[in-house]
Structure formats: C-alpha cells, structure tokens
Protein backbone atom coordinates (compact mmCIF):
# COMPACT_ATOMS: atom_id res chain seq x y z
CA MET A 1 253.59 121.00 214.75
CA THR A 2 250.31 119.78 216.16
CA ASP A 3 251.15 121.00 219.68
CA ALA A 4 252.26 124.44 218.44
CA ALA A 5 249.06 124.84 216.43
CA ALA A 6 247.01 123.87 219.47
CA ILE A 7 248.74 126.43 221.71
CA GLN A 8 248.15 129.37 219.34
CA PRO A 9 244.91 131.33 220.21
CA ASP A 10 242.05 131.20 217.80
CA PRO A 11 241.43 134.72 216.34
CA THR A 12 237.69 133.94 216.16
CA SER A 13 237.38 132.93 219.82
CA PRO A 14 234.94 134.92 222.04
CA ARG A 15 237.78 136.03 224.35
CA ARG A 16 239.76 137.48 221.46
CA SER A 17 236.66 139.26 220.11
CA GLN A 18 235.87 140.69 223.56
CA SER A 19 239.43 141.99 223.89
CA THR A 20 239.20 143.68 220.49
CA TRP A 21 235.95 145.40 221.42
CA MET A 22 237.42 146.56 224.74
CA ASN A 23 240.42 148.10 222.98
CA LEU A 24 238.14 149.81 220.48
CA ALA A 25 235.92 151.20 223.23
CA THR A 26 238.97 152.47 225.15
CA SER A 27 240.32 154.19 222.04
CA MET A 28 236.95 155.81 221.31
CA ALA A 29 236.62 157.01 224.90
CA ALA A 30 240.11 158.53 224.80
CA LEU A 31 239.28 160.22 221.48
CA LEU A 32 236.04 161.65 222.85
CA ILE A 33 237.80 162.96 225.96
CA ALA A 34 240.48 164.62 223.83
CA VAL A 35 237.93 166.19 221.49
CA GLY A 36 235.79 167.37 224.42
CA THR A 37 238.80 168.93 226.13
CA LEU A 38 239.81 170.70 222.92
CA LEU A 39 236.25 171.99 222.39
CA GLY A 40 236.10 173.22 225.98
CA ILE A 41 239.34 175.14 225.56
CA CYS A 42 238.11 176.67 222.29
CA LEU A 43 234.77 177.70 223.84
CA HIS A 44 236.48 179.25 226.85
CA LEU A 45 238.98 181.14 224.70
CA THR A 46 236.28 182.39 222.31
CA GLY A 47 234.00 183.51 225.14
CA HIS A 48 236.80 185.28 227.00
CA VAL A 49 238.02 187.16 223.94
CA ALA A 50 234.43 188.11 223.01
CA HIS A 51 233.82 189.46 226.53
CA ILE A 52 236.97 191.59 226.77
CA THR A 53 236.55 192.84 223.18
CA GLU A 54 232.98 193.95 223.86
CA LEU A 55 233.98 195.82 227.02
CA ARG A 56 236.93 197.48 225.27
CA SER A 57 234.64 198.56 222.45
CA TRP A 58 232.56 200.35 225.07
CA GLY A 59 235.70 201.92 226.54
CA VAL A 60 235.41 199.89 229.77
CA GLN A 61 238.37 198.16 231.39
CA SER A 62 237.82 194.45 230.92
CA ASP A 63 239.82 193.35 233.98
CA LEU A 64 237.31 195.12 236.26
CA PHE A 65 234.51 192.73 235.28
CA PRO A 66 235.76 189.13 235.41
CA ARG A 67 233.42 186.27 234.55
CA PRO A 68 233.32 182.65 235.78
CA SER A 69 234.32 179.78 233.54
CA GLU A 70 230.76 178.53 233.01
CA TRP A 71 229.57 181.94 231.82
CA THR A 72 232.64 182.28 229.58
CA MET A 73 232.02 178.93 227.88
CA ILE A 74 228.34 179.73 227.29
CA ASN A 75 229.33 183.12 225.90
CA GLY A 76 231.79 181.37 223.59
CA TYR A 77 229.05 179.04 222.35
CA TYR A 78 226.78 181.97 221.51
CA ALA A 79 229.68 183.85 219.90
CA ILE A 80 230.47 180.91 217.61
CA PHE A 81 226.80 180.40 216.76
CA PHE A 82 226.09 184.03 215.85
CA GLU A 83 229.35 184.45 213.96
CA THR A 84 228.66 181.29 211.95
CA THR A 85 225.17 182.55 211.12
CA ARG A 86 226.53 185.97 210.13
CA THR A 87 229.27 184.41 208.00
CA LEU A 88 226.83 182.17 206.16
CA SER A 89 224.51 185.10 205.48
CA ASP A 90 227.41 187.20 204.13
CA MET A 91 228.96 184.34 202.16
CA PRO A 92 229.65 185.19 198.48
CA TRP A 93 227.93 182.10 197.13
CA ALA A 94 228.78 182.94 193.52
CA LEU A 95 232.49 182.77 194.39
CA VAL A 96 231.98 179.50 196.27
CA VAL A 97 230.25 177.91 193.29
CA THR A 98 233.03 179.14 190.97
CA VAL A 99 235.72 177.61 193.19
CA CYS A 100 233.83 174.31 193.37
CA LEU A 101 233.54 174.18 189.58
CA ALA A 102 237.27 174.96 189.22
CA ILE A 103 238.17 172.12 191.62
CA ALA A 104 235.86 169.74 189.74
CA PHE A 105 237.57 170.73 186.48
CA LEU A 106 241.01 170.00 187.98
CA ILE A 107 239.84 166.60 189.21
CA LEU A 108 238.50 165.83 185.75
CA ILE A 109 241.83 166.72 184.17
CA TYR A 110 243.69 164.60 186.76
CA ARG A 111 241.57 161.55 185.86
CA LEU A 112 242.39 161.81 182.15
CA PRO A 113 244.67 159.05 180.80
CA PRO A 114 248.34 160.00 181.20
CA PRO A 115 250.41 160.80 178.11
CA LYS A 116 253.13 158.54 176.82
CA LYS A 117 256.05 158.31 179.18
CA ARG A 118 259.31 159.91 178.18
CA ALA A 119 262.76 159.29 179.44
CA PRO A 120 263.24 161.39 182.62
CA ILE A 121 265.76 164.19 182.42
CA LEU A 122 267.56 163.00 185.57
CA ASP A 123 268.73 159.85 183.75
CA ARG A 124 271.04 162.03 181.69
CA PHE A 125 272.89 163.20 184.82
CA PRO A 126 275.63 161.23 186.60
CA ASN A 127 274.73 159.28 189.76
CA TRP A 128 276.52 161.62 192.19
CA LEU A 129 274.61 164.66 190.83
CA LYS A 130 271.29 162.79 190.99
CA SER A 131 272.00 161.91 194.63
CA ILE A 132 272.64 165.56 195.50
CA ILE A 133 269.48 166.71 193.70
CA SER A 134 267.38 164.02 195.42
CA ALA A 135 268.75 164.94 198.87
CA VAL A 136 268.14 168.66 198.37
CA THR A 137 264.62 168.03 197.00
CA LEU A 138 263.73 165.71 199.87
CA SER A 139 265.01 168.21 202.42
CA ALA A 140 263.02 171.03 200.83
CA LEU A 141 259.87 168.88 200.83
CA TRP A 142 260.30 168.05 204.52
CA MET A 143 260.88 171.69 205.44
CA THR A 144 257.83 172.77 203.41
CA THR A 145 255.66 170.10 205.04
CA ILE A 146 256.76 171.11 208.54
CA PHE A 147 256.15 174.78 207.75
CA TYR A 148 252.62 174.16 206.51
CA LEU A 149 251.85 171.89 209.47
CA LEU A 150 252.94 174.65 211.85
CA LEU A 151 250.91 177.15 209.84
CA VAL A 152 247.80 174.95 210.09
CA ALA A 153 248.32 174.52 213.85
CA LEU A 154 248.72 178.28 214.22
CA MET A 155 245.55 178.93 212.24
CA ILE A 156 243.62 176.45 214.40
CA ALA A 157 244.87 178.24 217.53
CA ILE A 158 244.04 181.69 216.12
CA ILE A 159 240.52 180.89 214.88
CA PRO A 160 238.81 180.95 218.34
CA ALA A 161 240.44 184.29 219.18
CA VAL A 162 239.43 185.80 215.82
CA VAL A 163 235.85 184.56 216.17
CA GLY A 164 235.64 185.91 219.71
CA GLU A 165 237.02 189.31 218.70
CA ARG A 166 234.57 189.65 215.80
CA ALA A 167 231.64 188.54 217.95
CA GLY A 168 232.49 190.97 220.75
CA LYS A 169 232.86 193.92 218.42
CA HIS A 170 229.64 193.13 216.54
CA SER A 171 227.75 192.74 219.83
CA ALA A 172 228.96 196.13 221.11
CA ASP A 173 228.20 197.88 217.80
CA GLU A 174 224.71 196.43 217.57
CA ALA A 175 223.93 197.27 221.21
CA LEU A 176 225.17 200.85 220.79
CA ALA A 177 223.11 201.34 217.63
CA SER A 178 220.06 199.93 219.42
CA TYR A 179 220.53 202.17 222.46
CA ARG A 180 220.91 205.28 220.32
CA SER A 181 217.91 204.42 218.16
CA SER A 182 214.51 205.82 218.99
CA LYS A 183 213.02 202.41 218.19
CA SER A 184 214.97 200.64 220.94
CA PHE A 185 212.82 198.24 222.95
CA ALA A 186 215.45 197.66 225.65
CA SER A 187 214.27 198.94 229.03
CA ARG A 188 216.54 201.45 230.69
CA ALA A 189 217.93 200.94 234.18
CA GLU A 190 217.84 203.60 236.86
CA LEU A 191 220.57 204.04 239.48
CA TRP A 192 219.30 205.42 242.77
CA ARG A 193 221.06 206.39 245.99
CA GLY A 194 218.34 206.64 248.55
CA GLU A 195 215.61 208.76 246.98
CA GLU A 196 217.97 210.50 244.55
CA LEU A 197 218.09 209.43 240.91
CA LEU A 198 221.74 209.48 239.86
CA MET A 199 221.54 208.39 236.24
CA GLN A 200 219.69 206.16 233.85
CA GLY A 201 220.77 204.14 230.88
CA HIS A 202 221.59 200.60 229.80
CA ILE A 203 223.72 198.28 231.91
CA ILE A 204 226.80 196.94 230.11
CA ALA A 205 228.35 194.84 232.89
CA VAL A 206 227.99 194.40 236.64
CA SER A 207 230.39 193.02 239.22
CA SER A 208 230.22 192.84 243.00
CA ASP A 209 231.89 196.26 243.30
CA LEU A 210 231.32 198.17 240.04
CA ILE A 211 228.66 198.95 237.47
CA ALA A 212 229.34 199.73 233.80
CA LEU A 213 226.44 201.65 232.31
CA PHE A 214 225.79 203.48 229.04
CA ASP A 215 224.40 206.85 230.12
CA THR A 216 221.74 207.80 227.59
CA ASP A 217 221.74 211.44 228.70
CA LEU A 218 225.49 211.93 228.26
CA ASP A 219 225.86 209.35 225.46
CA GLN A 220 228.84 207.89 227.30
CA ALA A 221 229.81 204.65 228.99
CA ARG A 222 230.41 205.17 232.71
CA THR A 223 231.93 202.94 235.40
CA ILE A 224 230.83 203.77 238.95
CA ASP A 225 231.13 202.27 242.40
CA ARG A 226 228.23 200.02 243.37
CA ALA A 227 228.34 200.83 247.09
CA GLY A 228 225.01 202.28 248.21
CA ILE A 229 223.57 202.10 244.69
CA GLU A 230 220.15 200.63 243.98
CA ILE A 231 219.48 199.38 240.45
CA ARG A 232 215.89 199.76 239.36
CA THR A 233 214.73 198.12 236.16
CA ARG A 234 211.34 197.51 234.61
CA PRO A 235 210.57 193.89 233.58
CA LYS A 236 210.04 193.48 229.86
CA THR A 237 206.68 191.76 230.37
CA SER A 238 205.30 194.70 232.32
CA VAL A 239 206.52 197.53 230.12
CA SER A 240 203.61 199.85 229.46
CA LYS A 241 203.15 203.12 227.66
CA LYS A 242 201.56 204.60 230.77
CA PRO A 243 204.01 205.97 233.34
CA TYR A 244 204.37 204.15 236.60
CA ARG A 245 202.29 205.73 239.34
CA LYS A 246 202.53 204.87 243.00
CA GLN A 247 199.26 204.19 244.78
CA SER A 248 198.47 206.88 247.31
CA ILE A 249 196.85 206.30 250.68
CA GLU A 250 193.55 207.90 249.66
CA GLU A 251 193.34 205.94 246.40
CA PRO A 252 191.58 202.60 246.93
CA SER A 253 193.14 199.47 245.51
CA THR A 254 191.44 197.09 243.08
CA ALA A 255 190.72 194.56 245.83
CA ASP A 256 189.07 197.22 248.00
CA ALA A 257 186.94 198.36 245.09
CA LEU A 258 185.75 194.81 244.42
CA GLU A 259 184.98 194.27 248.10
CA THR A 260 183.00 197.53 248.23
CA THR A 261 181.02 196.57 245.13
CA ALA A 262 180.20 193.14 246.57
CA SER A 263 178.99 194.67 249.84
CA LEU A 264 176.77 197.13 247.98
CA ARG A 265 175.16 194.28 246.08
C-alpha cells in the first residue's frame, strides 16, 4: 500500500499544475480560432450579400463588379454596424419593457412554493400502457428538440444574409434619395473621352473594365465600358461655389504677381 501510494502522482505538484494550464490554454486557443473563423465567414457573407443587393437595387448586374475578400469583410462590418444602429433606433422599447415584465412575472410564479402533491394519473394505468406512453412521449420530445436545434442553426445561418440584404437595400435607397435631392453634398463625377464630356453623375461601382454610374441628367443607372474613359472628380475639400476656371496664358499666376510686387518695392 505504501509503494502504490508513492507511485501515484500528487495532484498539487508543479508538473500537474503546468499540464492543466497547458490544456486550458490549448482549449482557449482552439475556441478563439473557431470563433474567429465563424465571425470571418459571417462578415464575408454579410458584406457579399450587401454588395450584390445594393447593385441590384440600382439595376446593375452584380457579377460585373466583383470585390476582393478584404473589401467584402470590411463592407460586412459596416453593414452589421449600421443595421444594428438602425435596429436600436427603431426598437419598440415599450414592447421590450412589457415582455421583460411578463418574463419577470413568470419567474416569480415559478418560484412560488409548489402545491400539495397528488397521485399522478399514470399510476392508475397498467404497466404496459405506461411504458407505451413513456416511449411515445420521449420520442416526441427528442424529435421536437432536434427540430428546434435545426431551426436555431438555420436562423443563425440566415441572419448574416438578412442583415446584408437589408443593409444593401437601405444604402441604395439613401444614396438615390441623396442624389435626387437638391441638398446633396456629394460631388458629381464627369466622364470624358478626350475633350468630349460624355455624361456626369454619381459613381456606383467601378471595375477594371466597366463603370456603373447614376446619370443625373437621365435619372438612370448606366453601365458603360471604361476603355478610353477619363473620370474627373472634384475633391470634397476643394469644392467651391465658384466654377472652376483654367488659367490662361495672358493671366498671371499668384506667384508671378507676388514676384512683380516684390520687385516694384
């Protein structure tokens, strides 16, 4: 007995404690990797659905303007953020408070002392009938549990797609309302071929071969070939009420004017 007790490892030894911490760290790392992978998939799915929904709302073919994975994940992050903010602002807080009070009332009733026990009804039935009822009840409970687990898994898989679709549609609707409004502060882009102005409007999407643009003159979304097209836009920091005017040869520049003034002095 003494030898067997001496061979058994001490649970409080440093080696045993180090092994426990290593197992815990490995489990936490595996959990973090799994959660990060799941979040990455959700962000990518949400961003992709938001992108194609926005383009379809404009009437533009979404497969003509693919986006890289990094852009799609960032778009998914913004879609989730803005949809969460919009949902919280539109939340019927009176209904939420009512539901919370109803749940608190049910918990209060559940914590009340139980009534006096009565003889169960199943005791009046024979054993073979009780066995059949128990088997059928257990089977129904298992089937119901599996159904609700599948329903929860389906809802978790659908949520990113639903959020992305709502975000894409809201983004397209808000952009269209802003472009049609006279108070729009978005600078319009101009498409030039050489010295000829083809159209002007607001860029929806750009790829290496195509341009999707909302033509403000026709009030339509147009997709055109990018070959030989120059896109001219005005930076937001330099937007001025005065029209842009090219400097002519006869017109002196500001530097020349300062130099002339210094020489006169």
